[in-house]
Amino acid sequence: MSKKEILNNVSIEGNKLICPICTGKQFWTRKTLMNTTGMSFFNLDWANKKATNYICTHCGYVYWFMK
């Protein structure tokens, strides 16, 4: 697994991201496909929209954001 970049003071639309479980303020990020049944049925998973995840480095809580 590659080394994850740790982000501090993440803001989403002007709001600071704070973990609701442990009040952590450090996150790493990844992109996740938002699979749908119809697209999966036709083997078009790659065409689904993506969400951005911010994962708390302390407890692992995951935030999901889509544009």
N, C-alpha and C. Protein backbone atom coordinates (compact mmCIF):
# COMPACT_ATOMS: atom_id res chain seq x y z
N MET A 1 0.85 -1.18 0.00
CA MET A 1 0.00 0.00 0.00
C MET A 1 0.89 1.24 0.00
N SER A 2 0.53 2.23 -0.79
CA SER A 2 1.32 3.45 -0.84
C SER A 2 1.08 4.30 0.41
N LYS A 3 2.04 5.16 0.68
CA LYS A 3 1.94 6.04 1.85
C LYS A 3 0.82 7.06 1.61
N LYS A 4 -0.03 7.22 2.59
CA LYS A 4 -1.15 8.15 2.49
C LYS A 4 -0.71 9.55 2.93
N GLU A 5 -1.14 10.54 2.18
CA GLU A 5 -0.89 11.92 2.57
C GLU A 5 -1.91 12.32 3.63
N ILE A 6 -1.42 12.81 4.76
CA ILE A 6 -2.30 13.23 5.86
C ILE A 6 -2.64 14.71 5.66
N LEU A 7 -3.93 15.01 5.69
CA LEU A 7 -4.39 16.38 5.52
C LEU A 7 -4.83 16.95 6.86
N ASN A 8 -4.43 18.19 7.12
CA ASN A 8 -4.82 18.91 8.33
C ASN A 8 -5.73 20.08 7.93
N ASN A 9 -6.64 20.44 8.80
CA ASN A 9 -7.51 21.60 8.59
C ASN A 9 -8.25 21.53 7.26
N VAL A 10 -8.93 20.44 7.00
CA VAL A 10 -9.74 20.27 5.79
C VAL A 10 -11.01 21.10 5.93
N SER A 11 -11.35 21.84 4.87
CA SER A 11 -12.59 22.62 4.86
C SER A 11 -13.42 22.21 3.67
N ILE A 12 -14.72 22.07 3.89
CA ILE A 12 -15.68 21.78 2.83
C ILE A 12 -16.67 22.93 2.80
N GLU A 13 -16.67 23.68 1.70
CA GLU A 13 -17.52 24.86 1.54
C GLU A 13 -17.43 25.80 2.74
N GLY A 14 -16.22 26.02 3.22
CA GLY A 14 -15.98 26.96 4.30
C GLY A 14 -16.17 26.40 5.70
N ASN A 15 -16.52 25.13 5.82
CA ASN A 15 -16.72 24.50 7.12
C ASN A 15 -15.57 23.54 7.42
N LYS A 16 -14.93 23.72 8.57
CA LYS A 16 -13.83 22.83 8.94
C LYS A 16 -14.35 21.43 9.25
N LEU A 17 -13.65 20.45 8.73
CA LEU A 17 -14.03 19.06 8.94
C LEU A 17 -13.48 18.59 10.29
N ILE A 18 -14.38 18.12 11.16
CA ILE A 18 -14.00 17.57 12.46
C ILE A 18 -14.72 16.24 12.61
N CYS A 19 -14.00 15.22 12.99
CA CYS A 19 -14.59 13.89 13.14
C CYS A 19 -15.65 13.92 14.24
N PRO A 20 -16.89 13.46 13.94
CA PRO A 20 -17.94 13.47 14.95
C PRO A 20 -17.77 12.37 16.00
N ILE A 21 -16.87 11.43 15.79
CA ILE A 21 -16.66 10.35 16.74
C ILE A 21 -15.58 10.70 17.75
N CYS A 22 -14.40 11.13 17.25
CA CYS A 22 -13.26 11.36 18.16
C CYS A 22 -12.75 12.80 18.17
N THR A 23 -13.41 13.70 17.46
CA THR A 23 -13.04 15.10 17.27
C THR A 23 -11.68 15.28 16.60
N GLY A 24 -11.23 14.27 15.87
CA GLY A 24 -9.97 14.37 15.14
C GLY A 24 -10.05 15.40 14.02
N LYS A 25 -8.89 15.95 13.64
CA LYS A 25 -8.82 16.98 12.60
C LYS A 25 -7.83 16.60 11.50
N GLN A 26 -7.38 15.34 11.51
CA GLN A 26 -6.48 14.86 10.47
C GLN A 26 -7.17 13.77 9.67
N PHE A 27 -7.08 13.88 8.35
CA PHE A 27 -7.77 12.96 7.46
C PHE A 27 -6.86 12.58 6.31
N TRP A 28 -7.11 11.41 5.74
CA TRP A 28 -6.54 11.08 4.45
C TRP A 28 -7.71 10.94 3.50
N THR A 29 -7.47 10.96 2.20
CA THR A 29 -8.56 11.01 1.24
C THR A 29 -8.43 9.93 0.18
N ARG A 30 -9.58 9.59 -0.42
CA ARG A 30 -9.63 8.66 -1.54
C ARG A 30 -10.88 8.95 -2.35
N LYS A 31 -10.96 8.43 -3.56
CA LYS A 31 -12.15 8.53 -4.41
C LYS A 31 -12.82 7.16 -4.41
N THR A 32 -14.15 7.13 -4.37
CA THR A 32 -14.91 5.89 -4.36
C THR A 32 -16.02 5.98 -5.41
N LEU A 33 -16.17 4.92 -6.20
CA LEU A 33 -17.26 4.87 -7.18
C LEU A 33 -18.59 4.64 -6.46
N MET A 34 -19.61 5.37 -6.89
CA MET A 34 -20.95 5.21 -6.35
C MET A 34 -21.72 4.27 -7.27
N ASN A 35 -21.47 2.98 -7.11
CA ASN A 35 -22.06 1.98 -8.00
C ASN A 35 -23.59 1.97 -7.90
N THR A 36 -24.21 1.77 -9.07
CA THR A 36 -25.66 1.64 -9.13
C THR A 36 -25.99 0.28 -9.74
N THR A 37 -27.14 -0.24 -9.43
CA THR A 37 -27.55 -1.55 -9.92
C THR A 37 -27.59 -1.60 -11.44
N GLY A 38 -28.17 -0.58 -12.05
CA GLY A 38 -28.31 -0.57 -13.51
C GLY A 38 -26.97 -0.57 -14.22
N MET A 39 -26.05 0.27 -13.78
CA MET A 39 -24.73 0.34 -14.41
C MET A 39 -23.96 -0.95 -14.19
N SER A 40 -24.09 -1.54 -13.02
CA SER A 40 -23.42 -2.81 -12.73
C SER A 40 -23.98 -3.93 -13.61
N PHE A 41 -25.28 -3.93 -13.85
CA PHE A 41 -25.91 -4.95 -14.68
C PHE A 41 -25.32 -4.95 -16.10
N PHE A 42 -25.02 -3.75 -16.60
CA PHE A 42 -24.47 -3.62 -17.95
C PHE A 42 -22.94 -3.55 -17.98
N ASN A 43 -22.29 -3.88 -16.84
CA ASN A 43 -20.82 -3.82 -16.72
C ASN A 43 -20.27 -2.43 -17.04
N LEU A 44 -20.97 -1.40 -16.60
CA LEU A 44 -20.54 -0.03 -16.83
C LEU A 44 -20.22 0.67 -15.51
N ASP A 45 -19.71 -0.08 -14.54
CA ASP A 45 -19.39 0.50 -13.23
C ASP A 45 -18.44 1.69 -13.35
N TRP A 46 -17.53 1.62 -14.31
CA TRP A 46 -16.54 2.68 -14.49
C TRP A 46 -17.21 4.03 -14.81
N ALA A 47 -18.44 4.02 -15.30
CA ALA A 47 -19.13 5.25 -15.69
C ALA A 47 -19.91 5.89 -14.53
N ASN A 48 -19.95 5.24 -13.39
CA ASN A 48 -20.67 5.81 -12.24
C ASN A 48 -19.97 7.05 -11.72
N LYS A 49 -20.71 7.87 -11.01
CA LYS A 49 -20.13 9.07 -10.39
C LYS A 49 -19.19 8.65 -9.27
N LYS A 50 -18.26 9.56 -8.93
CA LYS A 50 -17.31 9.31 -7.85
C LYS A 50 -17.61 10.22 -6.67
N ALA A 51 -17.36 9.69 -5.49
CA ALA A 51 -17.45 10.48 -4.26
C ALA A 51 -16.04 10.65 -3.71
N THR A 52 -15.82 11.74 -3.02
CA THR A 52 -14.56 11.95 -2.32
C THR A 52 -14.76 11.57 -0.87
N ASN A 53 -13.91 10.71 -0.36
CA ASN A 53 -13.96 10.30 1.04
C ASN A 53 -12.84 10.98 1.81
N TYR A 54 -13.16 11.40 3.02
CA TYR A 54 -12.15 11.86 3.98
C TYR A 54 -12.22 10.90 5.16
N ILE A 55 -11.12 10.25 5.47
CA ILE A 55 -11.08 9.22 6.50
C ILE A 55 -10.26 9.72 7.68
N CYS A 56 -10.83 9.71 8.86
CA CYS A 56 -10.15 10.16 10.07
C CYS A 56 -8.95 9.25 10.34
N THR A 57 -7.79 9.85 10.57
CA THR A 57 -6.58 9.06 10.81
C THR A 57 -6.59 8.41 12.19
N HIS A 58 -7.41 8.90 13.09
CA HIS A 58 -7.42 8.36 14.45
C HIS A 58 -8.39 7.19 14.61
N CYS A 59 -9.66 7.37 14.18
CA CYS A 59 -10.66 6.33 14.43
C CYS A 59 -11.18 5.66 13.15
N GLY A 60 -10.91 6.22 11.98
CA GLY A 60 -11.34 5.62 10.73
C GLY A 60 -12.71 6.02 10.24
N TYR A 61 -13.36 6.97 10.91
CA TYR A 61 -14.67 7.44 10.45
C TYR A 61 -14.54 7.96 9.03
N VAL A 62 -15.53 7.68 8.17
CA VAL A 62 -15.46 8.07 6.76
C VAL A 62 -16.56 9.09 6.42
N TYR A 63 -16.14 10.23 5.91
CA TYR A 63 -17.06 11.22 5.34
C TYR A 63 -17.16 10.95 3.85
N TRP A 64 -18.35 11.12 3.27
CA TRP A 64 -18.57 10.96 1.82
C TRP A 64 -19.10 12.29 1.27
N PHE A 65 -18.49 12.79 0.19
CA PHE A 65 -18.93 14.02 -0.45
C PHE A 65 -19.01 13.81 -1.95
N MET A 66 -20.11 14.31 -2.54
CA MET A 66 -20.28 14.32 -4.00
C MET A 66 -20.60 15.74 -4.44
N LYS A 67 -20.17 16.08 -5.63
CA LYS A 67 -20.50 17.39 -6.18
C LYS A 67 -21.81 17.33 -6.88
